Amino acid sequence: MRKPTKGSKIKRSRGTQRVSQKKFLALGIGKVGYIKIMQSDDVMRRYPEVKNIPLGIKVFGLYAANGDPIAIVDSKARAVHHARTKSLSIQILH
């Protein structure tokens, strides 16, 4: 596939429709989960309602396809298990 050059336009195939970002992100809800490796300090800043996480440790966030948080856990195995209990296909982000 050729990379678009500056000023080039991407052509859409006939019969395709534009989808809003909100609708695009909703496509995988209930189907895809993302696991993101984070530091507990970042979790505490991003989600002040989260309590009792020791500072300075690695944690694993499980997120829905649209980016909504599902769970913050202490191991990759627990994040994978949590995703599987919700029948989510898993993608790991670095």
PDB file of N, CA and C in Angstrom:
ATOM      1  N   MET A   1       0.841  -1.166   0.000  1.00  0.00           N
ATOM      2  CA  MET A   1       0.000   0.000   0.000  1.00  0.00           C
ATOM      3  C   MET A   1       0.891   1.236   0.000  1.00  0.00           C
ATOM      4  N   ARG A   2       0.560   2.177  -0.839  1.00  0.00           N
ATOM      5  CA  ARG A   2       1.334   3.399  -0.950  1.00  0.00           C
ATOM      6  C   ARG A   2       0.969   4.365   0.165  1.00  0.00           C
ATOM      7  N   LYS A   3       1.978   5.004   0.721  1.00  0.00           N
ATOM      8  CA  LYS A   3       1.776   5.991   1.770  1.00  0.00           C
ATOM      9  C   LYS A   3       1.323   7.298   1.121  1.00  0.00           C
ATOM     10  N   PRO A   4       0.253   7.937   1.666  1.00  0.00           N
ATOM     11  CA  PRO A   4      -0.194   9.194   1.076  1.00  0.00           C
ATOM     12  C   PRO A   4       0.873  10.276   1.214  1.00  0.00           C
ATOM     13  N   THR A   5       0.993  11.090   0.180  1.00  0.00           N
ATOM     14  CA  THR A   5       1.941  12.195   0.225  1.00  0.00           C
ATOM     15  C   THR A   5       1.218  13.455   0.673  1.00  0.00           C
ATOM     16  N   LYS A   6       1.991  14.450   1.081  1.00  0.00           N
ATOM     17  CA  LYS A   6       1.402  15.689   1.547  1.00  0.00           C
ATOM     18  C   LYS A   6       0.545  16.296   0.436  1.00  0.00           C
ATOM     19  N   GLY A   7      -0.678  16.654   0.809  1.00  0.00           N
ATOM     20  CA  GLY A   7      -1.578  17.260  -0.164  1.00  0.00           C
ATOM     21  C   GLY A   7      -2.401  16.256  -0.947  1.00  0.00           C
ATOM     22  N   SER A   8      -2.074  14.947  -0.819  1.00  0.00           N
ATOM     23  CA  SER A   8      -2.867  13.958  -1.544  1.00  0.00           C
ATOM     24  C   SER A   8      -4.163  13.690  -0.798  1.00  0.00           C
ATOM     25  N   LYS A   9      -5.143  13.232  -1.515  1.00  0.00           N
ATOM     26  CA  LYS A   9      -6.435  12.921  -0.912  1.00  0.00           C
ATOM     27  C   LYS A   9      -6.635  11.418  -0.917  1.00  0.00           C
ATOM     28  N   ILE A  10      -7.225  10.939   0.154  1.00  0.00           N
ATOM     29  CA  ILE A  10      -7.534   9.514   0.246  1.00  0.00           C
ATOM     30  C   ILE A  10      -8.909   9.309  -0.364  1.00  0.00           C
ATOM     31  N   LYS A  11      -9.010   8.391  -1.299  1.00  0.00           N
ATOM     32  CA  LYS A  11     -10.279   8.111  -1.963  1.00  0.00           C
ATOM     33  C   LYS A  11     -11.034   7.046  -1.182  1.00  0.00           C
ATOM     34  N   ARG A  12     -12.329   7.265  -1.054  1.00  0.00           N
ATOM     35  CA  ARG A  12     -13.176   6.261  -0.405  1.00  0.00           C
ATOM     36  C   ARG A  12     -13.773   5.374  -1.477  1.00  0.00           C
ATOM     37  N   SER A  13     -13.928   4.115  -1.138  1.00  0.00           N
ATOM     38  CA  SER A  13     -14.576   3.188  -2.056  1.00  0.00           C
ATOM     39  C   SER A  13     -16.060   3.503  -2.123  1.00  0.00           C
ATOM     40  N   ARG A  14     -16.670   3.148  -3.232  1.00  0.00           N
ATOM     41  CA  ARG A  14     -18.115   3.349  -3.364  1.00  0.00           C
ATOM     42  C   ARG A  14     -18.837   2.535  -2.303  1.00  0.00           C
ATOM     43  N   GLY A  15     -19.881   3.122  -1.763  1.00  0.00           N
ATOM     44  CA  GLY A  15     -20.691   2.424  -0.772  1.00  0.00           C
ATOM     45  C   GLY A  15     -20.177   2.571   0.655  1.00  0.00           C
ATOM     46  N   THR A  16     -19.063   3.260   0.840  1.00  0.00           N
ATOM     47  CA  THR A  16     -18.579   3.455   2.200  1.00  0.00           C
ATOM     48  C   THR A  16     -19.167   4.724   2.785  1.00  0.00           C
ATOM     49  N   GLN A  17     -19.236   4.776   4.094  1.00  0.00           N
ATOM     50  CA  GLN A  17     -19.769   5.942   4.779  1.00  0.00           C
ATOM     51  C   GLN A  17     -18.744   6.453   5.768  1.00  0.00           C
ATOM     52  N   ARG A  18     -18.801   7.727   6.013  1.00  0.00           N
ATOM     53  CA  ARG A  18     -17.976   8.292   7.084  1.00  0.00           C
ATOM     54  C   ARG A  18     -18.608   7.893   8.414  1.00  0.00           C
ATOM     55  N   VAL A  19     -17.752   7.571   9.355  1.00  0.00           N
ATOM     56  CA  VAL A  19     -18.214   7.214  10.689  1.00  0.00           C
ATOM     57  C   VAL A  19     -17.571   8.182  11.664  1.00  0.00           C
ATOM     58  N   SER A  20     -18.366   8.714  12.565  1.00  0.00           N
ATOM     59  CA  SER A  20     -17.810   9.639  13.546  1.00  0.00           C
ATOM     60  C   SER A  20     -16.836   8.887  14.455  1.00  0.00           C
ATOM     61  N   GLN A  21     -15.923   9.631  15.067  1.00  0.00           N
ATOM     62  CA  GLN A  21     -14.955   9.009  15.968  1.00  0.00           C
ATOM     63  C   GLN A  21     -15.667   8.299  17.116  1.00  0.00           C
ATOM     64  N   LYS A  22     -16.727   8.912  17.628  1.00  0.00           N
ATOM     65  CA  LYS A  22     -17.485   8.315  18.732  1.00  0.00           C
ATOM     66  C   LYS A  22     -18.081   6.968  18.316  1.00  0.00           C
ATOM     67  N   LYS A  23     -18.659   6.914  17.125  1.00  0.00           N
ATOM     68  CA  LYS A  23     -19.234   5.655  16.642  1.00  0.00           C
ATOM     69  C   LYS A  23     -18.148   4.631  16.348  1.00  0.00           C
ATOM     70  N   PHE A  24     -17.018   5.097  15.798  1.00  0.00           N
ATOM     71  CA  PHE A  24     -15.920   4.185  15.505  1.00  0.00           C
ATOM     72  C   PHE A  24     -15.413   3.538  16.792  1.00  0.00           C
ATOM     73  N   LEU A  25     -15.219   4.351  17.830  1.00  0.00           N
ATOM     74  CA  LEU A  25     -14.725   3.824  19.096  1.00  0.00           C
ATOM     75  C   LEU A  25     -15.722   2.867  19.742  1.00  0.00           C
ATOM     76  N   ALA A  26     -17.000   3.070  19.483  1.00  0.00           N
ATOM     77  CA  ALA A  26     -18.033   2.216  20.070  1.00  0.00           C
ATOM     78  C   ALA A  26     -18.133   0.856  19.378  1.00  0.00           C
ATOM     79  N   LEU A  27     -17.520   0.706  18.208  1.00  0.00           N
ATOM     80  CA  LEU A  27     -17.635  -0.544  17.460  1.00  0.00           C
ATOM     81  C   LEU A  27     -17.156  -1.761  18.255  1.00  0.00           C
ATOM     82  N   GLY A  28     -16.095  -1.593  19.015  1.00  0.00           N
ATOM     83  CA  GLY A  28     -15.528  -2.727  19.733  1.00  0.00           C
ATOM     84  C   GLY A  28     -16.000  -2.890  21.160  1.00  0.00           C
ATOM     85  N   ILE A  29     -16.903  -2.015  21.622  1.00  0.00           N
ATOM     86  CA  ILE A  29     -17.359  -2.111  23.011  1.00  0.00           C
ATOM     87  C   ILE A  29     -18.024  -3.463  23.232  1.00  0.00           C
ATOM     88  N   GLY A  30     -17.601  -4.122  24.295  1.00  0.00           N
ATOM     89  CA  GLY A  30     -18.129  -5.446  24.610  1.00  0.00           C
ATOM     90  C   GLY A  30     -17.436  -6.558  23.844  1.00  0.00           C
ATOM     91  N   LYS A  31     -16.483  -6.176  22.966  1.00  0.00           N
ATOM     92  CA  LYS A  31     -15.786  -7.177  22.160  1.00  0.00           C
ATOM     93  C   LYS A  31     -14.276  -7.113  22.342  1.00  0.00           C
ATOM     94  N   VAL A  32     -13.743  -5.890  22.460  1.00  0.00           N
ATOM     95  CA  VAL A  32     -12.299  -5.704  22.538  1.00  0.00           C
ATOM     96  C   VAL A  32     -11.946  -4.993  23.835  1.00  0.00           C
ATOM     97  N   GLY A  33     -10.894  -5.467  24.483  1.00  0.00           N
ATOM     98  CA  GLY A  33     -10.364  -4.815  25.673  1.00  0.00           C
ATOM     99  C   GLY A  33      -8.888  -4.557  25.479  1.00  0.00           C
ATOM    100  N   TYR A  34      -8.426  -3.442  25.980  1.00  0.00           N
ATOM    101  CA  TYR A  34      -7.020  -3.077  25.865  1.00  0.00           C
ATOM    102  C   TYR A  34      -6.378  -3.112  27.238  1.00  0.00           C
ATOM    103  N   ILE A  35      -5.206  -3.712  27.318  1.00  0.00           N
ATOM    104  CA  ILE A  35      -4.455  -3.733  28.564  1.00  0.00           C
ATOM    105  C   ILE A  35      -3.288  -2.765  28.392  1.00  0.00           C
ATOM    106  N   LYS A  36      -3.202  -1.829  29.307  1.00  0.00           N
ATOM    107  CA  LYS A  36      -2.138  -0.822  29.257  1.00  0.00           C
ATOM    108  C   LYS A  36      -1.321  -0.914  30.539  1.00  0.00           C
ATOM    109  N   ILE A  37      -0.007  -1.015  30.392  1.00  0.00           N
ATOM    110  CA  ILE A  37       0.896  -1.048  31.534  1.00  0.00           C
ATOM    111  C   ILE A  37       1.139   0.390  31.978  1.00  0.00           C
ATOM    112  N   MET A  38       0.947   0.638  33.273  1.00  0.00           N
ATOM    113  CA  MET A  38       1.049   1.994  33.802  1.00  0.00           C
ATOM    114  C   MET A  38       1.776   1.986  35.140  1.00  0.00           C
ATOM    115  N   GLN A  39       2.128   3.147  35.606  1.00  0.00           N
ATOM    116  CA  GLN A  39       2.660   3.323  36.956  1.00  0.00           C
ATOM    117  C   GLN A  39       1.514   3.756  37.870  1.00  0.00           C
ATOM    118  N   SER A  40       1.525   3.266  39.098  1.00  0.00           N
ATOM    119  CA  SER A  40       0.444   3.590  40.032  1.00  0.00           C
ATOM    120  C   SER A  40       0.317   5.102  40.243  1.00  0.00           C
ATOM    121  N   ASP A  41       1.426   5.812  40.197  1.00  0.00           N
ATOM    122  CA  ASP A  41       1.385   7.275  40.359  1.00  0.00           C
ATOM    123  C   ASP A  41       0.520   7.917  39.276  1.00  0.00           C
ATOM    124  N   ASP A  42       0.651   7.422  38.034  1.00  0.00           N
ATOM    125  CA  ASP A  42      -0.151   7.937  36.921  1.00  0.00           C
ATOM    126  C   ASP A  42      -1.630   7.633  37.115  1.00  0.00           C
ATOM    127  N   VAL A  43      -1.917   6.446  37.633  1.00  0.00           N
ATOM    128  CA  VAL A  43      -3.312   6.054  37.886  1.00  0.00           C
ATOM    129  C   VAL A  43      -3.930   6.998  38.911  1.00  0.00           C
ATOM    130  N   MET A  44      -3.192   7.277  39.986  1.00  0.00           N
ATOM    131  CA  MET A  44      -3.710   8.147  41.045  1.00  0.00           C
ATOM    132  C   MET A  44      -3.974   9.564  40.527  1.00  0.00           C
ATOM    133  N   ARG A  45      -3.111  10.053  39.625  1.00  0.00           N
ATOM    134  CA  ARG A  45      -3.322  11.386  39.044  1.00  0.00           C
ATOM    135  C   ARG A  45      -4.510  11.390  38.089  1.00  0.00           C
ATOM    136  N   ARG A  46      -4.605  10.357  37.277  1.00  0.00           N
ATOM    137  CA  ARG A  46      -5.653  10.301  36.254  1.00  0.00           C
ATOM    138  C   ARG A  46      -7.024   9.983  36.845  1.00  0.00           C
ATOM    139  N   TYR A  47      -7.043   9.136  37.865  1.00  0.00           N
ATOM    140  CA  TYR A  47      -8.298   8.704  38.479  1.00  0.00           C
ATOM    141  C   TYR A  47      -8.227   8.934  39.988  1.00  0.00           C
ATOM    142  N   PRO A  48      -8.485  10.161  40.443  1.00  0.00           N
ATOM    143  CA  PRO A  48      -8.349  10.474  41.867  1.00  0.00           C
ATOM    144  C   PRO A  48      -9.280   9.661  42.769  1.00  0.00           C
ATOM    145  N   GLU A  49     -10.326   9.091  42.198  1.00  0.00           N
ATOM    146  CA  GLU A  49     -11.249   8.286  43.006  1.00  0.00           C
ATOM    147  C   GLU A  49     -10.667   6.920  43.383  1.00  0.00           C
ATOM    148  N   VAL A  50      -9.588   6.516  42.714  1.00  0.00           N
ATOM    149  CA  VAL A  50      -8.927   5.245  43.029  1.00  0.00           C
ATOM    150  C   VAL A  50      -8.122   5.427  44.314  1.00  0.00           C
ATOM    151  N   LYS A  51      -8.333   4.542  45.251  1.00  0.00           N
ATOM    152  CA  LYS A  51      -7.668   4.641  46.556  1.00  0.00           C
ATOM    153  C   LYS A  51      -6.858   3.379  46.832  1.00  0.00           C
ATOM    154  N   ASN A  52      -5.971   3.475  47.786  1.00  0.00           N
ATOM    155  CA  ASN A  52      -5.227   2.332  48.327  1.00  0.00           C
ATOM    156  C   ASN A  52      -4.309   1.625  47.339  1.00  0.00           C
ATOM    157  N   ILE A  53      -3.731   2.353  46.411  1.00  0.00           N
ATOM    158  CA  ILE A  53      -2.719   1.765  45.531  1.00  0.00           C
ATOM    159  C   ILE A  53      -1.367   2.322  45.981  1.00  0.00           C
ATOM    160  N   PRO A  54      -0.422   1.450  46.310  1.00  0.00           N
ATOM    161  CA  PRO A  54       0.903   1.953  46.691  1.00  0.00           C
ATOM    162  C   PRO A  54       1.539   2.734  45.536  1.00  0.00           C
ATOM    163  N   LEU A  55       2.221   3.798  45.851  1.00  0.00           N
ATOM    164  CA  LEU A  55       2.884   4.606  44.830  1.00  0.00           C
ATOM    165  C   LEU A  55       4.137   3.898  44.329  1.00  0.00           C
ATOM    166  N   GLY A  56       4.475   4.137  43.075  1.00  0.00           N
ATOM    167  CA  GLY A  56       5.721   3.640  42.507  1.00  0.00           C
ATOM    168  C   GLY A  56       5.725   2.195  42.056  1.00  0.00           C
ATOM    169  N   ILE A  57       4.542   1.617  41.835  1.00  0.00           N
ATOM    170  CA  ILE A  57       4.508   0.231  41.347  1.00  0.00           C
ATOM    171  C   ILE A  57       3.889   0.181  39.956  1.00  0.00           C
ATOM    172  N   LYS A  58       4.165  -0.902  39.251  1.00  0.00           N
ATOM    173  CA  LYS A  58       3.582  -1.129  37.928  1.00  0.00           C
ATOM    174  C   LYS A  58       2.187  -1.721  38.113  1.00  0.00           C
ATOM    175  N   VAL A  59       1.215  -1.187  37.389  1.00  0.00           N
ATOM    176  CA  VAL A  59      -0.148  -1.713  37.408  1.00  0.00           C
ATOM    177  C   VAL A  59      -0.611  -1.916  35.969  1.00  0.00           C
ATOM    178  N   PHE A  60      -1.700  -2.614  35.823  1.00  0.00           N
ATOM    179  CA  PHE A  60      -2.226  -2.948  34.507  1.00  0.00           C
ATOM    180  C   PHE A  60      -3.671  -2.474  34.427  1.00  0.00           C
ATOM    181  N   GLY A  61      -3.928  -1.582  33.469  1.00  0.00           N
ATOM    182  CA  GLY A  61      -5.276  -1.068  33.275  1.00  0.00           C
ATOM    183  C   GLY A  61      -5.959  -1.822  32.148  1.00  0.00           C
ATOM    184  N   LEU A  62      -7.190  -2.227  32.397  1.00  0.00           N
ATOM    185  CA  LEU A  62      -8.021  -2.845  31.361  1.00  0.00           C
ATOM    186  C   LEU A  62      -9.028  -1.801  30.922  1.00  0.00           C
ATOM    187  N   TYR A  63      -9.026  -1.502  29.617  1.00  0.00           N
ATOM    188  CA  TYR A  63      -9.882  -0.466  29.061  1.00  0.00           C
ATOM    189  C   TYR A  63     -10.798  -1.029  27.988  1.00  0.00           C
ATOM    190  N   ALA A  64     -11.989  -0.440  27.883  1.00  0.00           N
ATOM    191  CA  ALA A  64     -12.925  -0.792  26.820  1.00  0.00           C
ATOM    192  C   ALA A  64     -12.415  -0.212  25.504  1.00  0.00           C
ATOM    193  N   ALA A  65     -13.006  -0.625  24.412  1.00  0.00           N
ATOM    194  CA  ALA A  65     -12.595  -0.170  23.081  1.00  0.00           C
ATOM    195  C   ALA A  65     -12.654   1.342  22.934  1.00  0.00           C
ATOM    196  N   ASN A  66     -13.559   1.989  23.645  1.00  0.00           N
ATOM    197  CA  ASN A  66     -13.688   3.446  23.545  1.00  0.00           C
ATOM    198  C   ASN A  66     -12.789   4.188  24.533  1.00  0.00           C
ATOM    199  N   GLY A  67     -11.982   3.444  25.289  1.00  0.00           N
ATOM    200  CA  GLY A  67     -11.055   4.070  26.220  1.00  0.00           C
ATOM    201  C   GLY A  67     -11.551   4.170  27.648  1.00  0.00           C
ATOM    202  N   ASP A  68     -12.786   3.789  27.899  1.00  0.00           N
ATOM    203  CA  ASP A  68     -13.307   3.825  29.264  1.00  0.00           C
ATOM    204  C   ASP A  68     -12.601   2.768  30.112  1.00  0.00           C
ATOM    205  N   PRO A  69     -12.190   3.132  31.343  1.00  0.00           N
ATOM    206  CA  PRO A  69     -11.521   2.152  32.199  1.00  0.00           C
ATOM    207  C   PRO A  69     -12.491   1.094  32.698  1.00  0.00           C
ATOM    208  N   ILE A  70     -12.028  -0.150  32.733  1.00  0.00           N
ATOM    209  CA  ILE A  70     -12.821  -1.255  33.261  1.00  0.00           C
ATOM    210  C   ILE A  70     -12.253  -1.687  34.605  1.00  0.00           C
ATOM    211  N   ALA A  71     -10.922  -1.842  34.673  1.00  0.00           N
ATOM    212  CA  ALA A  71     -10.291  -2.300  35.913  1.00  0.00           C
ATOM    213  C   ALA A  71      -8.824  -1.892  35.939  1.00  0.00           C
ATOM    214  N   ILE A  72      -8.302  -1.706  37.143  1.00  0.00           N
ATOM    215  CA  ILE A  72      -6.875  -1.501  37.380  1.00  0.00           C
ATOM    216  C   ILE A  72      -6.457  -2.629  38.317  1.00  0.00           C
ATOM    217  N   VAL A  73      -5.499  -3.443  37.874  1.00  0.00           N
ATOM    218  CA  VAL A  73      -5.081  -4.601  38.667  1.00  0.00           C
ATOM    219  C   VAL A  73      -3.560  -4.644  38.789  1.00  0.00           C
ATOM    220  N   ASP A  74      -3.077  -5.554  39.632  1.00  0.00           N
ATOM    221  CA  ASP A  74      -1.649  -5.587  39.946  1.00  0.00           C
ATOM    222  C   ASP A  74      -0.820  -6.534  39.090  1.00  0.00           C
ATOM    223  N   SER A  75      -1.448  -7.260  38.168  1.00  0.00           N
ATOM    224  CA  SER A  75      -0.665  -8.161  37.315  1.00  0.00           C
ATOM    225  C   SER A  75      -1.318  -8.303  35.947  1.00  0.00           C
ATOM    226  N   LYS A  76      -0.482  -8.621  34.971  1.00  0.00           N
ATOM    227  CA  LYS A  76      -0.977  -8.840  33.609  1.00  0.00           C
ATOM    228  C   LYS A  76      -1.933 -10.031  33.591  1.00  0.00           C
ATOM    229  N   ALA A  77      -1.602 -11.065  34.356  1.00  0.00           N
ATOM    230  CA  ALA A  77      -2.457 -12.262  34.399  1.00  0.00           C
ATOM    231  C   ALA A  77      -3.861 -11.915  34.901  1.00  0.00           C
ATOM    232  N   ARG A  78      -3.938 -11.061  35.920  1.00  0.00           N
ATOM    233  CA  ARG A  78      -5.261 -10.666  36.437  1.00  0.00           C
ATOM    234  C   ARG A  78      -6.024  -9.838  35.414  1.00  0.00           C
ATOM    235  N   ALA A  79      -5.311  -8.972  34.686  1.00  0.00           N
ATOM    236  CA  ALA A  79      -5.960  -8.156  33.655  1.00  0.00           C
ATOM    237  C   ALA A  79      -6.508  -9.052  32.543  1.00  0.00           C
ATOM    238  N   VAL A  80      -5.717 -10.030  32.137  1.00  0.00           N
ATOM    239  CA  VAL A  80      -6.153 -10.979  31.097  1.00  0.00           C
ATOM    240  C   VAL A  80      -7.356 -11.779  31.601  1.00  0.00           C
ATOM    241  N   HIS A  81      -7.280 -12.250  32.832  1.00  0.00           N
ATOM    242  CA  HIS A  81      -8.395 -13.015  33.408  1.00  0.00           C
ATOM    243  C   HIS A  81      -9.668 -12.169  33.449  1.00  0.00           C
ATOM    244  N   HIS A  82      -9.531 -10.923  33.880  1.00  0.00           N
ATOM    245  CA  HIS A  82     -10.687 -10.029  33.951  1.00  0.00           C
ATOM    246  C   HIS A  82     -11.296  -9.819  32.560  1.00  0.00           C
ATOM    247  N   ALA A  83     -10.447  -9.639  31.558  1.00  0.00           N
ATOM    248  CA  ALA A  83     -10.929  -9.465  30.181  1.00  0.00           C
ATOM    249  C   ALA A  83     -11.647 -10.719  29.695  1.00  0.00           C
ATOM    250  N   ARG A  84     -11.085 -11.866  30.010  1.00  0.00           N
ATOM    251  CA  ARG A  84     -11.707 -13.127  29.575  1.00  0.00           C
ATOM    252  C   ARG A  84     -13.051 -13.354  30.244  1.00  0.00           C
ATOM    253  N   THR A  85     -13.201 -12.964  31.515  1.00  0.00           N
ATOM    254  CA  THR A  85     -14.496 -13.132  32.181  1.00  0.00           C
ATOM    255  C   THR A  85     -15.563 -12.266  31.527  1.00  0.00           C
ATOM    256  N   LYS A  86     -15.126 -11.224  30.824  1.00  0.00           N
ATOM    257  CA  LYS A  86     -16.061 -10.357  30.100  1.00  0.00           C
ATOM    258  C   LYS A  86     -16.109 -10.702  28.611  1.00  0.00           C
ATOM    259  N   SER A  87     -15.464 -11.831  28.238  1.00  0.00           N
ATOM    260  CA  SER A  87     -15.443 -12.301  26.850  1.00  0.00           C
ATOM    261  C   SER A  87     -14.877 -11.261  25.887  1.00  0.00           C
ATOM    262  N   LEU A  88     -13.821 -10.557  26.312  1.00  0.00           N
ATOM    263  CA  LEU A  88     -13.202  -9.548  25.471  1.00  0.00           C
ATOM    264  C   LEU A  88     -11.987 -10.117  24.756  1.00  0.00           C
ATOM    265  N   SER A  89     -11.815  -9.747  23.505  1.00  0.00           N
ATOM    266  CA  SER A  89     -10.596 -10.021  22.778  1.00  0.00           C
ATOM    267  C   SER A  89      -9.576  -9.014  23.307  1.00  0.00           C
ATOM    268  N   ILE A  90      -8.351  -9.449  23.553  1.00  0.00           N
ATOM    269  CA  ILE A  90      -7.388  -8.614  24.256  1.00  0.00           C
ATOM    270  C   ILE A  90      -6.318  -8.053  23.330  1.00  0.00           C
ATOM    271  N   GLN A  91      -6.020  -6.781  23.510  1.00  0.00           N
ATOM    272  CA  GLN A  91      -4.902  -6.111  22.853  1.00  0.00           C
ATOM    273  C   GLN A  91      -4.058  -5.487  23.957  1.00  0.00           C
ATOM    274  N   ILE A  92      -2.747  -5.642  23.890  1.00  0.00           N
ATOM    275  CA  ILE A  92      -1.879  -5.059  24.912  1.00  0.00           C
ATOM    276  C   ILE A  92      -1.160  -3.856  24.328  1.00  0.00           C
ATOM    277  N   LEU A  93      -1.271  -2.732  25.029  1.00  0.00           N
ATOM    278  CA  LEU A  93      -0.606  -1.492  24.610  1.00  0.00           C
ATOM    279  C   LEU A  93       0.634  -1.288  25.451  1.00  0.00           C
ATOM    280  N   HIS A  94       1.667  -0.708  24.841  1.00  0.00           N
ATOM    281  CA  HIS A  94       2.914  -0.438  25.578  1.00  0.00           C
ATOM    282  C   HIS A  94       3.066   1.036  25.776  1.00  0.00           C
TER     283      HIS A  94
END
